[in-house]
Amino acid sequence: MSDGTELYTVGQLARRSGLSVHTIRFWSDNGLIVPTERSTGGYRLYDAAAVARFDLVRTLRELGIGLEAIKKILARQATVAETAEVHARALDAEIKALKLRRAILRTIAKRGSTTEETVMTHKLAQVSATQRQQVIDEFIESTFAGITLDDDAKVVAQWMRELPDELPDDPTPRQVDAWIELADLVTSEDFRQRLRQIALAGTSPVASRHGYELRSLTLEHADRAVAESIAPDSAEGRSVLNRIIKPATPAGERSELHRWLETVADAQVERYWQLIAVLNGREPDPSAMPAFTWLLAAMRAHG
């Protein structure tokens, strides 16, 4: 203390800083803060600058920064800002992983999954964005292979590929469930065959004549008939049917239209679109299947 600078022993520093004696010695032994000097008895002594360094180290450690990174900061090989940015990005990734893990656990709890289902749920939910997109791309390409799609069908096929780049940072159990269900759906050979039949049906002349307008009229009138509990085979049901399909439509065309509707009004295809919407953070459109089921029943009843 010949220069008048106040020096602190390890014990005094511990009381002043709130750190344990063991921690102070450990950091000192690791070269983070070297003693300012030693007493005649060999005890470590630290000046005010060293105390400030201990405060900095404690703060950085509480923020989760490792000792090696702290050494670089103290040696001026890296700035606090640079180190903080690196660790903030690492924490972002860790938080994202934890949120995904939480969503998976909630999904497992809700589903009452078996051991095998739990393992599969975890694996599917952690598939990377690239791998998820590859699953969907392969599904679309194999399903439509050998089919000449018109411009509208090409647009629809492109829409069917629209997965989000990543599951959200805080995925809901509903979104985890949606990905698991979608992965199961696109591996179903039955679903692939249904989708091929729909694509082939889209080339029918009746589809181009009635497609978009028929959907709009069905959602307007048949949906209301369902809501009002109008029986498809009733006289009132015939009246609703006539608002959707003109009574003057030739019998052959009506029959062809009926066959086309039976092919394209598919609950699983609609479910595909609902799952894509959930994964993209959108609320799915209300189901159109009740309206089309009503329409098909009315067409069978009234010819």
C-alpha atoms as a PDB file:
ATOM      1  CA  MET A   1       0.000   0.000   0.000  1.00  0.00           C
ATOM      2  CA  SER A   2       3.019   2.215  -0.406  1.00  0.00           C
ATOM      3  CA  ASP A   3       1.354   4.249  -3.194  1.00  0.00           C
ATOM      4  CA  GLY A   4      -1.712   4.997  -1.071  1.00  0.00           C
ATOM      5  CA  THR A   5      -4.044   2.756  -3.158  1.00  0.00           C
ATOM      6  CA  GLU A   6      -6.493   0.796  -1.049  1.00  0.00           C
ATOM      7  CA  LEU A   7      -6.164  -2.944  -1.567  1.00  0.00           C
ATOM      8  CA  TYR A   8      -8.610  -5.677  -0.644  1.00  0.00           C
ATOM      9  CA  THR A   9      -8.071  -9.253   0.454  1.00  0.00           C
ATOM     10  CA  VAL A  10     -10.199 -12.029  -1.007  1.00  0.00           C
ATOM     11  CA  GLY A  11     -12.396 -11.992   2.084  1.00  0.00           C
ATOM     12  CA  GLN A  12     -12.852  -8.217   1.969  1.00  0.00           C
ATOM     13  CA  LEU A  13     -13.593  -8.369  -1.751  1.00  0.00           C
ATOM     14  CA  ALA A  14     -16.178 -11.098  -1.147  1.00  0.00           C
ATOM     15  CA  ARG A  15     -17.985  -8.978   1.437  1.00  0.00           C
ATOM     16  CA  ARG A  16     -17.805  -5.904  -0.796  1.00  0.00           C
ATOM     17  CA  SER A  17     -18.968  -7.593  -4.024  1.00  0.00           C
ATOM     18  CA  GLY A  18     -21.334 -10.232  -2.736  1.00  0.00           C
ATOM     19  CA  LEU A  19     -19.337 -12.925  -4.548  1.00  0.00           C
ATOM     20  CA  SER A  20     -18.236 -16.060  -2.737  1.00  0.00           C
ATOM     21  CA  VAL A  21     -14.592 -16.524  -1.788  1.00  0.00           C
ATOM     22  CA  HIS A  22     -14.557 -19.676  -3.898  1.00  0.00           C
ATOM     23  CA  THR A  23     -15.821 -17.790  -7.007  1.00  0.00           C
ATOM     24  CA  ILE A  24     -13.246 -15.008  -6.594  1.00  0.00           C
ATOM     25  CA  ARG A  25     -10.422 -17.521  -6.309  1.00  0.00           C
ATOM     26  CA  PHE A  26     -11.749 -19.577  -9.226  1.00  0.00           C
ATOM     27  CA  TRP A  27     -11.949 -16.565 -11.554  1.00  0.00           C
ATOM     28  CA  SER A  28      -8.535 -15.419 -10.407  1.00  0.00           C
ATOM     29  CA  ASP A  29      -7.020 -18.872 -10.954  1.00  0.00           C
ATOM     30  CA  ASN A  30      -8.514 -18.893 -14.479  1.00  0.00           C
ATOM     31  CA  GLY A  31      -6.750 -15.642 -15.315  1.00  0.00           C
ATOM     32  CA  LEU A  32      -9.852 -13.462 -15.518  1.00  0.00           C
ATOM     33  CA  ILE A  33      -8.674 -11.012 -12.834  1.00  0.00           C
ATOM     34  CA  VAL A  34      -5.103 -11.288 -11.646  1.00  0.00           C
ATOM     35  CA  PRO A  35      -4.233  -9.967  -8.158  1.00  0.00           C
ATOM     36  CA  THR A  36      -2.900  -6.428  -8.087  1.00  0.00           C
ATOM     37  CA  GLU A  37      -0.168  -7.664  -5.763  1.00  0.00           C
ATOM     38  CA  ARG A  38       0.352 -10.109  -2.907  1.00  0.00           C
ATOM     39  CA  SER A  39       0.835  -9.465   0.763  1.00  0.00           C
ATOM     40  CA  THR A  40       4.046 -10.433   2.571  1.00  0.00           C
ATOM     41  CA  GLY A  41       2.177 -13.575   3.652  1.00  0.00           C
ATOM     42  CA  GLY A  42       1.350 -14.439   0.028  1.00  0.00           C
ATOM     43  CA  TYR A  43      -2.323 -13.456   0.167  1.00  0.00           C
ATOM     44  CA  ARG A  44      -3.925 -12.012  -2.963  1.00  0.00           C
ATOM     45  CA  LEU A  45      -4.745  -8.319  -2.904  1.00  0.00           C
ATOM     46  CA  TYR A  46      -6.950  -6.422  -5.357  1.00  0.00           C
ATOM     47  CA  ASP A  47      -7.297  -2.716  -6.051  1.00  0.00           C
ATOM     48  CA  ALA A  48     -10.442  -0.736  -7.047  1.00  0.00           C
ATOM     49  CA  ALA A  49      -9.913  -1.440 -10.776  1.00  0.00           C
ATOM     50  CA  ALA A  50      -9.838  -5.166 -10.050  1.00  0.00           C
ATOM     51  CA  VAL A  51     -13.034  -4.838  -8.029  1.00  0.00           C
ATOM     52  CA  ALA A  52     -14.690  -3.180 -11.044  1.00  0.00           C
ATOM     53  CA  ARG A  53     -13.509  -6.036 -13.252  1.00  0.00           C
ATOM     54  CA  PHE A  54     -15.054  -8.547 -10.852  1.00  0.00           C
ATOM     55  CA  ASP A  55     -18.338  -6.631 -11.097  1.00  0.00           C
ATOM     56  CA  LEU A  56     -18.155  -6.777 -14.896  1.00  0.00           C
ATOM     57  CA  VAL A  57     -17.390 -10.493 -14.901  1.00  0.00           C
ATOM     58  CA  ARG A  58     -20.275 -11.178 -12.550  1.00  0.00           C
ATOM     59  CA  THR A  59     -22.659  -9.217 -14.775  1.00  0.00           C
ATOM     60  CA  LEU A  60     -21.524 -11.040 -17.911  1.00  0.00           C
ATOM     61  CA  ARG A  61     -21.773 -14.425 -16.205  1.00  0.00           C
ATOM     62  CA  GLU A  62     -25.311 -13.627 -15.035  1.00  0.00           C
ATOM     63  CA  LEU A  63     -26.141 -12.890 -18.680  1.00  0.00           C
ATOM     64  CA  GLY A  64     -24.925 -16.377 -19.561  1.00  0.00           C
ATOM     65  CA  ILE A  65     -21.651 -15.419 -21.250  1.00  0.00           C
ATOM     66  CA  GLY A  66     -18.936 -18.042 -20.875  1.00  0.00           C
ATOM     67  CA  LEU A  67     -15.539 -17.566 -19.265  1.00  0.00           C
ATOM     68  CA  GLU A  68     -13.606 -17.849 -22.539  1.00  0.00           C
ATOM     69  CA  ALA A  69     -15.692 -15.090 -24.113  1.00  0.00           C
ATOM     70  CA  ILE A  70     -15.224 -12.958 -21.008  1.00  0.00           C
ATOM     71  CA  LYS A  71     -11.456 -13.432 -21.209  1.00  0.00           C
ATOM     72  CA  LYS A  72     -11.520 -12.013 -24.737  1.00  0.00           C
ATOM     73  CA  ILE A  73     -13.540  -9.022 -23.564  1.00  0.00           C
ATOM     74  CA  LEU A  74     -11.159  -8.312 -20.715  1.00  0.00           C
ATOM     75  CA  ALA A  75      -8.181  -8.737 -23.057  1.00  0.00           C
ATOM     76  CA  ARG A  76      -9.906  -6.322 -25.501  1.00  0.00           C
ATOM     77  CA  GLN A  77      -9.995  -9.021 -28.178  1.00  0.00           C
ATOM     78  CA  ALA A  78     -13.759  -8.522 -28.393  1.00  0.00           C
ATOM     79  CA  THR A  79     -16.136  -5.799 -27.281  1.00  0.00           C
ATOM     80  CA  VAL A  80     -18.993  -6.296 -24.877  1.00  0.00           C
ATOM     81  CA  ALA A  81     -21.404  -5.266 -27.645  1.00  0.00           C
ATOM     82  CA  GLU A  82     -20.039  -7.878 -30.077  1.00  0.00           C
ATOM     83  CA  THR A  83     -20.147 -10.593 -27.454  1.00  0.00           C
ATOM     84  CA  ALA A  84     -23.650  -9.586 -26.371  1.00  0.00           C
ATOM     85  CA  GLU A  85     -24.891  -9.792 -29.974  1.00  0.00           C
ATOM     86  CA  VAL A  86     -23.473 -13.314 -30.417  1.00  0.00           C
ATOM     87  CA  HIS A  87     -25.020 -14.486 -27.156  1.00  0.00           C
ATOM     88  CA  ALA A  88     -28.328 -12.787 -27.913  1.00  0.00           C
ATOM     89  CA  ARG A  89     -28.535 -14.770 -31.174  1.00  0.00           C
ATOM     90  CA  ALA A  90     -27.669 -17.959 -29.292  1.00  0.00           C
ATOM     91  CA  LEU A  91     -30.374 -17.204 -26.743  1.00  0.00           C
ATOM     92  CA  ASP A  92     -32.878 -16.563 -29.544  1.00  0.00           C
ATOM     93  CA  ALA A  93     -32.173 -20.051 -30.894  1.00  0.00           C
ATOM     94  CA  GLU A  94     -32.397 -21.563 -27.405  1.00  0.00           C
ATOM     95  CA  ILE A  95     -35.687 -19.783 -26.654  1.00  0.00           C
ATOM     96  CA  LYS A  96     -37.105 -20.925 -29.985  1.00  0.00           C
ATOM     97  CA  ALA A  97     -36.106 -24.511 -29.221  1.00  0.00           C
ATOM     98  CA  LEU A  98     -37.657 -24.297 -25.762  1.00  0.00           C
ATOM     99  CA  LYS A  99     -40.913 -22.901 -27.147  1.00  0.00           C
ATOM    100  CA  LEU A 100     -41.056 -25.687 -29.721  1.00  0.00           C
ATOM    101  CA  ARG A 101     -40.371 -28.246 -26.990  1.00  0.00           C
ATOM    102  CA  ARG A 102     -43.184 -26.743 -24.898  1.00  0.00           C
ATOM    103  CA  ALA A 103     -45.588 -26.931 -27.848  1.00  0.00           C
ATOM    104  CA  ILE A 104     -44.630 -30.573 -28.486  1.00  0.00           C
ATOM    105  CA  LEU A 105     -45.185 -31.466 -24.829  1.00  0.00           C
ATOM    106  CA  ARG A 106     -48.599 -29.786 -24.862  1.00  0.00           C
ATOM    107  CA  THR A 107     -49.494 -31.686 -28.026  1.00  0.00           C
ATOM    108  CA  ILE A 108     -48.407 -34.990 -26.492  1.00  0.00           C
ATOM    109  CA  ALA A 109     -50.378 -34.245 -23.309  1.00  0.00           C
ATOM    110  CA  LYS A 110     -53.499 -33.331 -25.289  1.00  0.00           C
ATOM    111  CA  ARG A 111     -53.294 -36.346 -27.593  1.00  0.00           C
ATOM    112  CA  GLY A 112     -52.556 -38.813 -24.773  1.00  0.00           C
ATOM    113  CA  SER A 113     -49.830 -40.197 -27.006  1.00  0.00           C
ATOM    114  CA  THR A 114     -48.237 -43.610 -26.648  1.00  0.00           C
ATOM    115  CA  THR A 115     -44.471 -43.935 -26.342  1.00  0.00           C
ATOM    116  CA  GLU A 116     -44.110 -44.550 -30.092  1.00  0.00           C
ATOM    117  CA  GLU A 117     -46.369 -41.602 -30.975  1.00  0.00           C
ATOM    118  CA  THR A 118     -44.413 -39.365 -28.606  1.00  0.00           C
ATOM    119  CA  VAL A 119     -41.131 -40.180 -30.365  1.00  0.00           C
ATOM    120  CA  MET A 120     -42.711 -39.640 -33.796  1.00  0.00           C
ATOM    121  CA  THR A 121     -44.319 -36.353 -32.732  1.00  0.00           C
ATOM    122  CA  HIS A 122     -40.981 -35.044 -31.503  1.00  0.00           C
ATOM    123  CA  LYS A 123     -39.161 -36.076 -34.682  1.00  0.00           C
ATOM    124  CA  LEU A 124     -41.785 -34.632 -37.034  1.00  0.00           C
ATOM    125  CA  ALA A 125     -42.052 -31.323 -35.194  1.00  0.00           C
ATOM    126  CA  GLN A 126     -38.289 -30.773 -35.328  1.00  0.00           C
ATOM    127  CA  VAL A 127     -37.944 -31.421 -39.056  1.00  0.00           C
ATOM    128  CA  SER A 128     -36.227 -28.417 -40.607  1.00  0.00           C
ATOM    129  CA  ALA A 129     -37.990 -25.969 -42.895  1.00  0.00           C
ATOM    130  CA  THR A 130     -36.015 -27.298 -45.871  1.00  0.00           C
ATOM    131  CA  GLN A 131     -36.975 -30.872 -45.071  1.00  0.00           C
ATOM    132  CA  ARG A 132     -40.630 -29.914 -44.595  1.00  0.00           C
ATOM    133  CA  GLN A 133     -40.685 -28.141 -47.952  1.00  0.00           C
ATOM    134  CA  GLN A 134     -38.989 -31.129 -49.582  1.00  0.00           C
ATOM    135  CA  VAL A 135     -41.726 -33.441 -48.267  1.00  0.00           C
ATOM    136  CA  ILE A 136     -44.425 -31.202 -49.776  1.00  0.00           C
ATOM    137  CA  ASP A 137     -42.554 -30.632 -53.055  1.00  0.00           C
ATOM    138  CA  GLU A 138     -42.077 -34.378 -53.558  1.00  0.00           C
ATOM    139  CA  PHE A 139     -45.751 -34.936 -52.748  1.00  0.00           C
ATOM    140  CA  ILE A 140     -46.908 -32.363 -55.336  1.00  0.00           C
ATOM    141  CA  GLU A 141     -44.494 -33.558 -58.037  1.00  0.00           C
ATOM    142  CA  SER A 142     -45.330 -37.244 -57.636  1.00  0.00           C
ATOM    143  CA  THR A 143     -49.067 -36.598 -57.385  1.00  0.00           C
ATOM    144  CA  PHE A 144     -49.281 -34.524 -60.575  1.00  0.00           C
ATOM    145  CA  ALA A 145     -46.653 -36.469 -62.559  1.00  0.00           C
ATOM    146  CA  GLY A 146     -47.828 -37.133 -66.111  1.00  0.00           C
ATOM    147  CA  ILE A 147     -50.818 -34.781 -65.858  1.00  0.00           C
ATOM    148  CA  THR A 148     -50.931 -31.698 -68.082  1.00  0.00           C
ATOM    149  CA  LEU A 149     -52.124 -28.899 -65.836  1.00  0.00           C
ATOM    150  CA  ASP A 150     -53.796 -25.797 -67.214  1.00  0.00           C
ATOM    151  CA  ASP A 151     -52.732 -22.365 -65.938  1.00  0.00           C
ATOM    152  CA  ASP A 152     -55.278 -22.335 -63.128  1.00  0.00           C
ATOM    153  CA  ALA A 153     -54.256 -25.798 -61.938  1.00  0.00           C
ATOM    154  CA  LYS A 154     -50.586 -24.780 -61.976  1.00  0.00           C
ATOM    155  CA  VAL A 155     -51.398 -21.847 -59.707  1.00  0.00           C
ATOM    156  CA  VAL A 156     -53.296 -24.145 -57.337  1.00  0.00           C
ATOM    157  CA  ALA A 157     -50.400 -26.622 -57.291  1.00  0.00           C
ATOM    158  CA  GLN A 158     -48.042 -23.769 -56.433  1.00  0.00           C
ATOM    159  CA  TRP A 159     -50.325 -22.667 -53.608  1.00  0.00           C
ATOM    160  CA  MET A 160     -50.228 -26.215 -52.261  1.00  0.00           C
ATOM    161  CA  ARG A 161     -46.478 -25.823 -51.771  1.00  0.00           C
ATOM    162  CA  GLU A 162     -46.759 -22.726 -49.601  1.00  0.00           C
ATOM    163  CA  LEU A 163     -45.361 -23.840 -46.279  1.00  0.00           C
ATOM    164  CA  PRO A 164     -43.908 -21.231 -43.916  1.00  0.00           C
ATOM    165  CA  ASP A 165     -40.105 -21.003 -43.865  1.00  0.00           C
ATOM    166  CA  GLU A 166     -40.168 -21.960 -40.206  1.00  0.00           C
ATOM    167  CA  LEU A 167     -42.672 -22.977 -37.616  1.00  0.00           C
ATOM    168  CA  PRO A 168     -43.414 -19.823 -35.618  1.00  0.00           C
ATOM    169  CA  ASP A 169     -41.045 -18.832 -32.796  1.00  0.00           C
ATOM    170  CA  ASP A 170     -43.809 -19.748 -30.379  1.00  0.00           C
ATOM    171  CA  PRO A 171     -45.700 -22.538 -32.187  1.00  0.00           C
ATOM    172  CA  THR A 172     -49.050 -23.423 -30.728  1.00  0.00           C
ATOM    173  CA  PRO A 173     -49.962 -27.045 -30.095  1.00  0.00           C
ATOM    174  CA  ARG A 174     -52.450 -26.536 -32.938  1.00  0.00           C
ATOM    175  CA  GLN A 175     -49.609 -25.729 -35.357  1.00  0.00           C
ATOM    176  CA  VAL A 176     -47.495 -28.664 -34.198  1.00  0.00           C
ATOM    177  CA  ASP A 177     -50.573 -30.872 -34.600  1.00  0.00           C
ATOM    178  CA  ALA A 178     -51.170 -29.404 -38.073  1.00  0.00           C
ATOM    179  CA  TRP A 179     -47.669 -30.296 -39.281  1.00  0.00           C
ATOM    180  CA  ILE A 180     -47.939 -33.824 -37.890  1.00  0.00           C
ATOM    181  CA  GLU A 181     -51.339 -34.317 -39.526  1.00  0.00           C
ATOM    182  CA  LEU A 182     -50.145 -32.808 -42.820  1.00  0.00           C
ATOM    183  CA  ALA A 183     -47.062 -35.060 -42.886  1.00  0.00           C
ATOM    184  CA  ASP A 184     -49.331 -38.049 -42.344  1.00  0.00           C
ATOM    185  CA  LEU A 185     -51.782 -36.881 -45.031  1.00  0.00           C
ATOM    186  CA  VAL A 186     -49.234 -36.364 -47.805  1.00  0.00           C
ATOM    187  CA  THR A 187     -47.769 -39.829 -47.289  1.00  0.00           C
ATOM    188  CA  SER A 188     -51.187 -41.418 -47.828  1.00  0.00           C
ATOM    189  CA  GLU A 189     -51.397 -43.148 -51.198  1.00  0.00           C
ATOM    190  CA  ASP A 190     -55.186 -42.875 -51.070  1.00  0.00           C
ATOM    191  CA  PHE A 191     -54.941 -39.087 -50.731  1.00  0.00           C
ATOM    192  CA  ARG A 192     -52.491 -38.864 -53.636  1.00  0.00           C
ATOM    193  CA  GLN A 193     -54.853 -40.849 -55.858  1.00  0.00           C
ATOM    194  CA  ARG A 194     -57.807 -38.650 -54.889  1.00  0.00           C
ATOM    195  CA  LEU A 195     -55.835 -35.539 -55.733  1.00  0.00           C
ATOM    196  CA  ARG A 196     -54.826 -36.993 -59.125  1.00  0.00           C
ATOM    197  CA  GLN A 197     -58.476 -37.720 -59.867  1.00  0.00           C
ATOM    198  CA  ILE A 198     -59.380 -34.141 -58.984  1.00  0.00           C
ATOM    199  CA  ALA A 199     -56.588 -32.812 -61.227  1.00  0.00           C
ATOM    200  CA  LEU A 200     -57.785 -34.998 -64.098  1.00  0.00           C
ATOM    201  CA  ALA A 201     -61.396 -33.955 -63.468  1.00  0.00           C
ATOM    202  CA  GLY A 202     -60.286 -30.348 -63.762  1.00  0.00           C
ATOM    203  CA  THR A 203     -59.716 -30.896 -67.484  1.00  0.00           C
ATOM    204  CA  SER A 204     -63.416 -31.698 -67.960  1.00  0.00           C
ATOM    205  CA  PRO A 205     -65.403 -29.154 -70.045  1.00  0.00           C
ATOM    206  CA  VAL A 206     -68.047 -29.054 -67.326  1.00  0.00           C
ATOM    207  CA  ALA A 207     -65.402 -27.843 -64.850  1.00  0.00           C
ATOM    208  CA  SER A 208     -64.480 -24.868 -67.011  1.00  0.00           C
ATOM    209  CA  ARG A 209     -68.149 -24.020 -67.629  1.00  0.00           C
ATOM    210  CA  HIS A 210     -69.390 -24.257 -64.051  1.00  0.00           C
ATOM    211  CA  GLY A 211     -66.422 -24.387 -61.666  1.00  0.00           C
ATOM    212  CA  TYR A 212     -66.017 -20.960 -60.055  1.00  0.00           C
ATOM    213  CA  GLU A 213     -69.611 -19.787 -60.406  1.00  0.00           C
ATOM    214  CA  LEU A 214     -70.953 -23.066 -59.016  1.00  0.00           C
ATOM    215  CA  ARG A 215     -68.786 -22.806 -55.898  1.00  0.00           C
ATOM    216  CA  SER A 216     -69.969 -19.269 -55.259  1.00  0.00           C
ATOM    217  CA  LEU A 217     -73.644 -20.167 -55.711  1.00  0.00           C
ATOM    218  CA  THR A 218     -73.302 -23.286 -53.560  1.00  0.00           C
ATOM    219  CA  LEU A 219     -71.739 -21.359 -50.682  1.00  0.00           C
ATOM    220  CA  GLU A 220     -74.443 -18.722 -50.963  1.00  0.00           C
ATOM    221  CA  HIS A 221     -77.543 -20.905 -51.261  1.00  0.00           C
ATOM    222  CA  ALA A 222     -76.712 -24.442 -50.095  1.00  0.00           C
ATOM    223  CA  ASP A 223     -74.903 -23.086 -47.046  1.00  0.00           C
ATOM    224  CA  ARG A 224     -78.057 -21.191 -46.096  1.00  0.00           C
ATOM    225  CA  ALA A 225     -80.159 -24.315 -46.698  1.00  0.00           C
ATOM    226  CA  VAL A 226     -77.932 -26.257 -44.290  1.00  0.00           C
ATOM    227  CA  ALA A 227     -78.194 -23.487 -41.683  1.00  0.00           C
ATOM    228  CA  GLU A 228     -81.992 -23.419 -42.051  1.00  0.00           C
ATOM    229  CA  SER A 229     -82.264 -27.246 -41.994  1.00  0.00           C
ATOM    230  CA  ILE A 230     -83.926 -27.403 -45.420  1.00  0.00           C
ATOM    231  CA  ALA A 231     -84.079 -31.039 -46.506  1.00  0.00           C
ATOM    232  CA  PRO A 232     -82.321 -31.618 -49.866  1.00  0.00           C
ATOM    233  CA  ASP A 233     -85.180 -33.856 -51.090  1.00  0.00           C
ATOM    234  CA  SER A 234     -87.948 -31.415 -50.159  1.00  0.00           C
ATOM    235  CA  ALA A 235     -89.848 -29.065 -52.451  1.00  0.00           C
ATOM    236  CA  GLU A 236     -88.024 -26.163 -50.817  1.00  0.00           C
ATOM    237  CA  GLY A 237     -84.791 -28.053 -51.431  1.00  0.00           C
ATOM    238  CA  ARG A 238     -85.643 -28.232 -55.148  1.00  0.00           C
ATOM    239  CA  SER A 239     -86.194 -24.474 -55.130  1.00  0.00           C
ATOM    240  CA  VAL A 240     -82.742 -23.910 -53.603  1.00  0.00           C
ATOM    241  CA  LEU A 241     -81.191 -26.327 -56.105  1.00  0.00           C
ATOM    242  CA  ASN A 242     -82.716 -24.366 -58.985  1.00  0.00           C
ATOM    243  CA  ARG A 243     -80.942 -21.230 -57.749  1.00  0.00           C
ATOM    244  CA  ILE A 244     -77.619 -23.062 -57.968  1.00  0.00           C
ATOM    245  CA  ILE A 245     -78.091 -25.079 -61.157  1.00  0.00           C
ATOM    246  CA  LYS A 246     -80.414 -23.706 -63.810  1.00  0.00           C
ATOM    247  CA  PRO A 247     -83.467 -25.977 -64.345  1.00  0.00           C
ATOM    248  CA  ALA A 248     -82.914 -25.725 -68.107  1.00  0.00           C
ATOM    249  CA  THR A 249     -79.488 -27.402 -67.838  1.00  0.00           C
ATOM    250  CA  PRO A 250     -79.626 -30.541 -70.068  1.00  0.00           C
ATOM    251  CA  ALA A 251     -79.939 -33.871 -68.242  1.00  0.00           C
ATOM    252  CA  GLY A 252     -76.637 -35.116 -69.673  1.00  0.00           C
ATOM    253  CA  GLU A 253     -74.783 -32.030 -68.481  1.00  0.00           C
ATOM    254  CA  ARG A 254     -76.398 -32.270 -65.045  1.00  0.00           C
ATOM    255  CA  SER A 255     -75.276 -35.885 -64.794  1.00  0.00           C
ATOM    256  CA  GLU A 256     -71.743 -34.961 -65.830  1.00  0.00           C
ATOM    257  CA  LEU A 257     -71.754 -32.080 -63.335  1.00  0.00           C
ATOM    258  CA  HIS A 258     -72.888 -34.450 -60.578  1.00  0.00           C
ATOM    259  CA  ARG A 259     -70.030 -36.876 -61.307  1.00  0.00           C
ATOM    260  CA  TRP A 260     -67.522 -33.999 -61.349  1.00  0.00           C
ATOM    261  CA  LEU A 261     -68.771 -32.659 -58.010  1.00  0.00           C
ATOM    262  CA  GLU A 262     -68.557 -36.104 -56.419  1.00  0.00           C
ATOM    263  CA  THR A 263     -64.870 -36.140 -57.386  1.00  0.00           C
ATOM    264  CA  VAL A 264     -63.792 -32.618 -56.477  1.00  0.00           C
ATOM    265  CA  ALA A 265     -65.857 -32.085 -53.312  1.00  0.00           C
ATOM    266  CA  ASP A 266     -63.350 -33.933 -51.145  1.00  0.00           C
ATOM    267  CA  ALA A 267     -63.057 -33.477 -47.373  1.00  0.00           C
ATOM    268  CA  GLN A 268     -59.396 -34.531 -47.257  1.00  0.00           C
ATOM    269  CA  VAL A 269     -58.387 -31.979 -49.885  1.00  0.00           C
ATOM    270  CA  GLU A 270     -60.219 -29.295 -47.960  1.00  0.00           C
ATOM    271  CA  ARG A 271     -58.405 -30.474 -44.827  1.00  0.00           C
ATOM    272  CA  TYR A 272     -55.073 -30.034 -46.651  1.00  0.00           C
ATOM    273  CA  TRP A 273     -55.872 -26.364 -47.246  1.00  0.00           C
ATOM    274  CA  GLN A 274     -56.966 -25.916 -43.633  1.00  0.00           C
ATOM    275  CA  LEU A 275     -53.671 -27.352 -42.364  1.00  0.00           C
ATOM    276  CA  ILE A 276     -51.630 -25.130 -44.685  1.00  0.00           C
ATOM    277  CA  ALA A 277     -53.555 -22.123 -43.351  1.00  0.00           C
ATOM    278  CA  VAL A 278     -52.861 -23.094 -39.723  1.00  0.00           C
ATOM    279  CA  LEU A 279     -49.142 -23.546 -40.415  1.00  0.00           C
ATOM    280  CA  ASN A 280     -49.035 -20.117 -42.042  1.00  0.00           C
ATOM    281  CA  GLY A 281     -50.687 -18.540 -39.018  1.00  0.00           C
ATOM    282  CA  ARG A 282     -54.041 -17.958 -40.719  1.00  0.00           C
ATOM    283  CA  GLU A 283     -57.494 -18.987 -39.567  1.00  0.00           C
ATOM    284  CA  PRO A 284     -58.822 -21.595 -42.042  1.00  0.00           C
ATOM    285  CA  ASP A 285     -61.932 -20.732 -44.031  1.00  0.00           C
ATOM    286  CA  PRO A 286     -65.154 -22.320 -42.765  1.00  0.00           C
ATOM    287  CA  SER A 287     -65.703 -25.777 -44.226  1.00  0.00           C
ATOM    288  CA  ALA A 288     -67.528 -25.836 -47.553  1.00  0.00           C
ATOM    289  CA  MET A 289     -68.195 -29.575 -47.305  1.00  0.00           C
ATOM    290  CA  PRO A 290     -71.635 -29.339 -45.615  1.00  0.00           C
ATOM    291  CA  ALA A 291     -72.864 -27.104 -48.458  1.00  0.00           C
ATOM    292  CA  PHE A 292     -71.519 -29.393 -51.210  1.00  0.00           C
ATOM    293  CA  THR A 293     -72.807 -32.492 -49.429  1.00  0.00           C
ATOM    294  CA  TRP A 294     -76.241 -30.870 -49.356  1.00  0.00           C
ATOM    295  CA  LEU A 295     -75.992 -29.955 -53.049  1.00  0.00           C
ATOM    296  CA  LEU A 296     -75.046 -33.507 -54.067  1.00  0.00           C
ATOM    297  CA  ALA A 297     -77.937 -34.899 -52.034  1.00  0.00           C
ATOM    298  CA  ALA A 298     -80.326 -32.442 -53.700  1.00  0.00           C
ATOM    299  CA  MET A 299     -79.052 -33.373 -57.162  1.00  0.00           C
ATOM    300  CA  ARG A 300     -79.603 -37.073 -56.435  1.00  0.00           C
ATOM    301  CA  ALA A 301     -83.095 -36.385 -55.105  1.00  0.00           C
ATOM    302  CA  HIS A 302     -84.259 -34.141 -57.953  1.00  0.00           C
ATOM    303  CA  GLY A 303     -82.298 -35.487 -60.901  1.00  0.00           C
END
